[in-house]
N, C-alpha and C. Protein backbone atom coordinates (compact mmCIF):
# COMPACT_ATOMS: atom_id res chain seq x y z
N MET A 1 41.87 -14.11 -44.32
CA MET A 1 41.47 -12.36 -44.95
C MET A 1 40.95 -11.55 -43.98
N ILE A 2 40.63 -12.04 -42.62
CA ILE A 2 40.86 -11.12 -41.54
C ILE A 2 41.80 -10.30 -41.10
N LEU A 3 43.09 -11.37 -40.98
CA LEU A 3 43.87 -10.81 -40.46
C LEU A 3 44.50 -10.01 -41.30
N PHE A 4 44.41 -10.27 -43.12
CA PHE A 4 44.56 -9.36 -44.38
C PHE A 4 43.82 -7.83 -43.56
N VAL A 5 42.89 -7.94 -43.45
CA VAL A 5 42.04 -6.28 -43.45
C VAL A 5 42.57 -5.80 -41.87
N SER A 6 42.89 -7.06 -41.09
CA SER A 6 43.57 -6.21 -39.55
C SER A 6 44.87 -5.90 -39.85
N ALA A 7 45.91 -6.07 -40.51
CA ALA A 7 46.41 -5.48 -40.70
C ALA A 7 46.80 -4.05 -41.71
N ALA A 8 46.15 -4.70 -42.70
CA ALA A 8 46.10 -2.88 -43.02
C ALA A 8 45.36 -2.05 -42.48
N ALA A 9 44.03 -2.72 -41.93
CA ALA A 9 43.68 -1.54 -40.63
C ALA A 9 44.42 -0.45 -39.99
N ALA A 10 45.59 -1.18 -39.28
CA ALA A 10 46.18 -0.98 -38.35
C ALA A 10 47.26 0.10 -38.86
N LEU A 11 47.70 -0.90 -40.29
CA LEU A 11 49.35 0.28 -41.40
C LEU A 11 48.69 1.76 -40.94
N CYS A 12 47.11 1.36 -41.86
CA CYS A 12 46.27 2.83 -42.03
C CYS A 12 46.55 3.77 -40.64
N SER A 13 46.19 3.28 -40.01
CA SER A 13 45.81 3.90 -38.19
C SER A 13 46.86 4.71 -38.24
N LEU A 14 48.19 3.83 -38.02
CA LEU A 14 49.05 4.28 -37.50
C LEU A 14 49.84 5.28 -38.90
N GLY A 15 49.63 4.72 -39.79
CA GLY A 15 50.68 5.24 -41.17
C GLY A 15 49.75 6.78 -40.97
N GLY A 16 48.36 7.05 -40.83
CA GLY A 16 47.90 8.54 -40.94
C GLY A 16 48.04 9.02 -39.85
N ASN A 17 48.48 8.35 -38.55
CA ASN A 17 48.73 9.23 -37.41
C ASN A 17 50.36 10.25 -37.59
N LEU A 18 51.37 9.12 -38.39
CA LEU A 18 52.56 9.66 -38.27
C LEU A 18 52.62 10.90 -39.83
N PHE A 19 51.78 10.62 -40.91
CA PHE A 19 52.07 11.64 -41.68
C PHE A 19 50.97 12.83 -41.19
N ILE A 20 50.20 13.44 -40.06
CA ILE A 20 49.52 14.25 -39.64
C ILE A 20 50.57 14.74 -38.32
N MET A 21 50.91 13.53 -37.55
CA MET A 21 52.17 14.25 -37.42
C MET A 21 53.24 14.90 -38.18
N ALA A 22 53.18 14.94 -39.05
CA ALA A 22 54.44 15.35 -39.72
C ALA A 22 53.63 16.24 -40.54
N LYS A 23 52.39 16.60 -40.25
CA LYS A 23 51.29 17.57 -40.60
C LYS A 23 51.39 17.12 -42.23
N LYS A 24 51.32 16.45 -42.92
CA LYS A 24 51.15 16.27 -44.15
C LYS A 24 49.50 15.54 -43.97
N ARG A 25 48.92 16.60 -44.89
CA ARG A 25 47.12 16.12 -45.41
C ARG A 25 46.15 14.74 -45.57
N ILE A 26 47.39 14.11 -46.14
CA ILE A 26 46.82 13.30 -46.62
C ILE A 26 46.64 12.57 -45.75
N GLY A 27 47.52 12.72 -44.32
CA GLY A 27 47.02 11.29 -43.03
C GLY A 27 45.70 11.62 -43.12
N TRP A 28 45.27 11.88 -43.53
CA TRP A 28 43.76 12.46 -42.45
C TRP A 28 42.75 11.01 -43.46
N LEU A 29 43.63 11.80 -44.76
CA LEU A 29 42.58 10.14 -45.64
C LEU A 29 43.16 9.07 -45.52
N ILE A 30 44.16 8.49 -45.11
CA ILE A 30 44.96 7.55 -44.58
C ILE A 30 44.11 7.08 -43.44
N TRP A 31 44.14 7.72 -42.50
CA TRP A 31 43.18 7.10 -41.28
C TRP A 31 41.85 6.59 -41.06
N ILE A 32 41.39 8.11 -42.17
CA ILE A 32 39.72 7.34 -42.57
C ILE A 32 39.66 6.12 -43.12
N LEU A 33 40.84 5.89 -44.30
CA LEU A 33 40.43 4.57 -45.15
C LEU A 33 40.79 3.34 -43.79
N GLY A 34 41.29 3.40 -42.30
CA GLY A 34 42.02 2.67 -41.79
C GLY A 34 40.59 2.23 -40.45
N ASN A 35 39.85 3.62 -40.52
CA ASN A 35 38.78 3.27 -39.38
C ASN A 35 37.36 2.13 -40.40
N ILE A 36 37.96 2.46 -42.00
CA ILE A 36 36.80 2.05 -42.72
C ILE A 36 37.24 0.61 -42.87
N LEU A 37 38.20 -0.05 -42.48
CA LEU A 37 38.95 -1.26 -42.36
C LEU A 37 38.40 -2.16 -41.13
N TRP A 38 38.72 -0.62 -39.98
CA TRP A 38 38.27 -1.01 -38.90
C TRP A 38 36.52 -2.26 -38.81
N VAL A 39 36.04 -1.11 -39.48
CA VAL A 39 34.40 -1.42 -39.31
C VAL A 39 34.47 -2.44 -40.02
N ILE A 40 34.64 -2.72 -41.65
CA ILE A 40 34.87 -3.86 -42.29
C ILE A 40 35.43 -5.12 -41.67
N GLU A 41 36.14 -5.15 -40.51
CA GLU A 41 37.54 -6.61 -40.08
C GLU A 41 36.17 -6.63 -38.80
N ASN A 42 35.28 -5.93 -38.35
CA ASN A 42 34.70 -6.11 -37.46
C ASN A 42 33.06 -7.06 -37.73
N PHE A 43 32.88 -6.50 -39.66
CA PHE A 43 31.54 -7.16 -39.49
C PHE A 43 32.16 -8.93 -40.77
N LEU A 44 33.91 -8.94 -40.60
CA LEU A 44 34.18 -10.15 -40.82
C LEU A 44 34.10 -11.23 -39.65
N SER A 45 34.84 -10.60 -38.57
CA SER A 45 35.05 -11.38 -37.88
C SER A 45 33.84 -10.94 -36.66
N ASP A 46 34.01 -11.54 -35.32
CA ASP A 46 33.00 -11.69 -34.46
C ASP A 46 32.10 -9.80 -34.30
N PHE A 47 31.40 -9.45 -34.65
CA PHE A 47 30.97 -8.14 -35.09
C PHE A 47 31.09 -7.68 -33.31
N ASN A 48 31.71 -6.61 -33.40
CA ASN A 48 31.28 -5.82 -31.77
C ASN A 48 30.98 -4.30 -32.12
N LEU A 49 29.52 -4.36 -31.62
CA LEU A 49 28.60 -2.93 -31.70
C LEU A 49 29.44 -1.56 -31.23
N PRO A 50 29.91 -1.67 -29.88
CA PRO A 50 30.91 -0.80 -29.56
C PRO A 50 31.89 0.39 -30.34
N MET A 51 33.33 -1.33 -30.84
CA MET A 51 34.26 -0.84 -31.99
C MET A 51 33.90 -0.11 -32.60
N VAL A 52 32.70 -0.55 -33.69
CA VAL A 52 31.93 -0.11 -35.02
C VAL A 52 31.46 1.49 -34.85
N LEU A 53 30.47 1.18 -33.45
CA LEU A 53 30.50 3.02 -33.21
C LEU A 53 31.63 3.97 -32.84
N MET A 54 32.65 3.38 -32.51
CA MET A 54 33.69 4.35 -32.21
C MET A 54 34.37 4.39 -33.41
N TYR A 55 34.39 3.47 -34.46
CA TYR A 55 35.55 3.42 -35.52
C TYR A 55 34.22 4.71 -36.12
N ILE A 56 33.27 4.34 -36.81
CA ILE A 56 32.62 5.29 -37.42
C ILE A 56 32.83 6.95 -36.50
N ALA A 57 32.94 7.07 -35.15
CA ALA A 57 32.84 8.47 -34.56
C ALA A 57 34.27 8.80 -35.25
N TYR A 58 35.56 8.06 -34.95
CA TYR A 58 36.86 8.64 -35.59
C TYR A 58 36.34 9.33 -37.25
N PHE A 59 35.92 8.07 -37.45
CA PHE A 59 35.99 8.82 -39.17
C PHE A 59 35.20 10.28 -39.25
N VAL A 60 33.95 10.03 -38.47
CA VAL A 60 33.54 11.95 -38.21
C VAL A 60 34.65 12.73 -37.90
N ILE A 61 35.27 12.44 -37.20
CA ILE A 61 36.30 13.19 -36.85
C ILE A 61 37.19 13.66 -37.99
N ASN A 62 37.54 12.44 -38.44
CA ASN A 62 39.10 12.15 -38.99
C ASN A 62 38.60 13.57 -40.45
N LEU A 63 37.37 13.36 -40.23
CA LEU A 63 36.42 13.95 -41.62
C LEU A 63 36.57 15.39 -41.80
N ILE A 64 36.18 15.54 -40.69
CA ILE A 64 35.66 17.20 -40.50
C ILE A 64 37.85 17.28 -39.42
N GLY A 65 38.40 17.02 -39.39
CA GLY A 65 40.05 17.07 -39.34
C GLY A 65 40.58 17.75 -41.01
N PHE A 66 39.94 16.74 -41.70
CA PHE A 66 40.92 17.08 -43.15
C PHE A 66 39.79 17.95 -44.17
N ILE A 67 38.82 18.63 -43.34
CA ILE A 67 38.18 19.87 -44.08
C ILE A 67 38.35 21.23 -43.52
N LYS A 68 38.69 20.26 -41.98
CA LYS A 68 39.57 22.14 -41.41
C LYS A 68 41.07 21.90 -41.71
N TRP A 69 41.20 21.42 -42.10
CA TRP A 69 43.27 21.42 -42.57
C TRP A 69 43.28 22.40 -43.53
N ARG A 70 42.44 22.33 -44.30
CA ARG A 70 42.97 23.60 -45.53
C ARG A 70 42.10 24.80 -44.76
N LYS A 71 41.72 24.99 -43.58
CA LYS A 71 41.86 26.94 -43.55
C LYS A 71 42.49 26.99 -42.65
């Protein structure tokens, strides 16, 4: 289960970045999903508070990017 969540999180993080690079707004949502999956992965495996805080910060940054992208 942990391996599946980690792989899905990595694919979402990478895919989101690639979509953003291609100037596609959906990339923000994919990257946000990746951040959520990374937090879940940290709860399923050895809990790492600094990593959880980092992915929460990325989540907020990505959410702001998604909101501002349409302006």
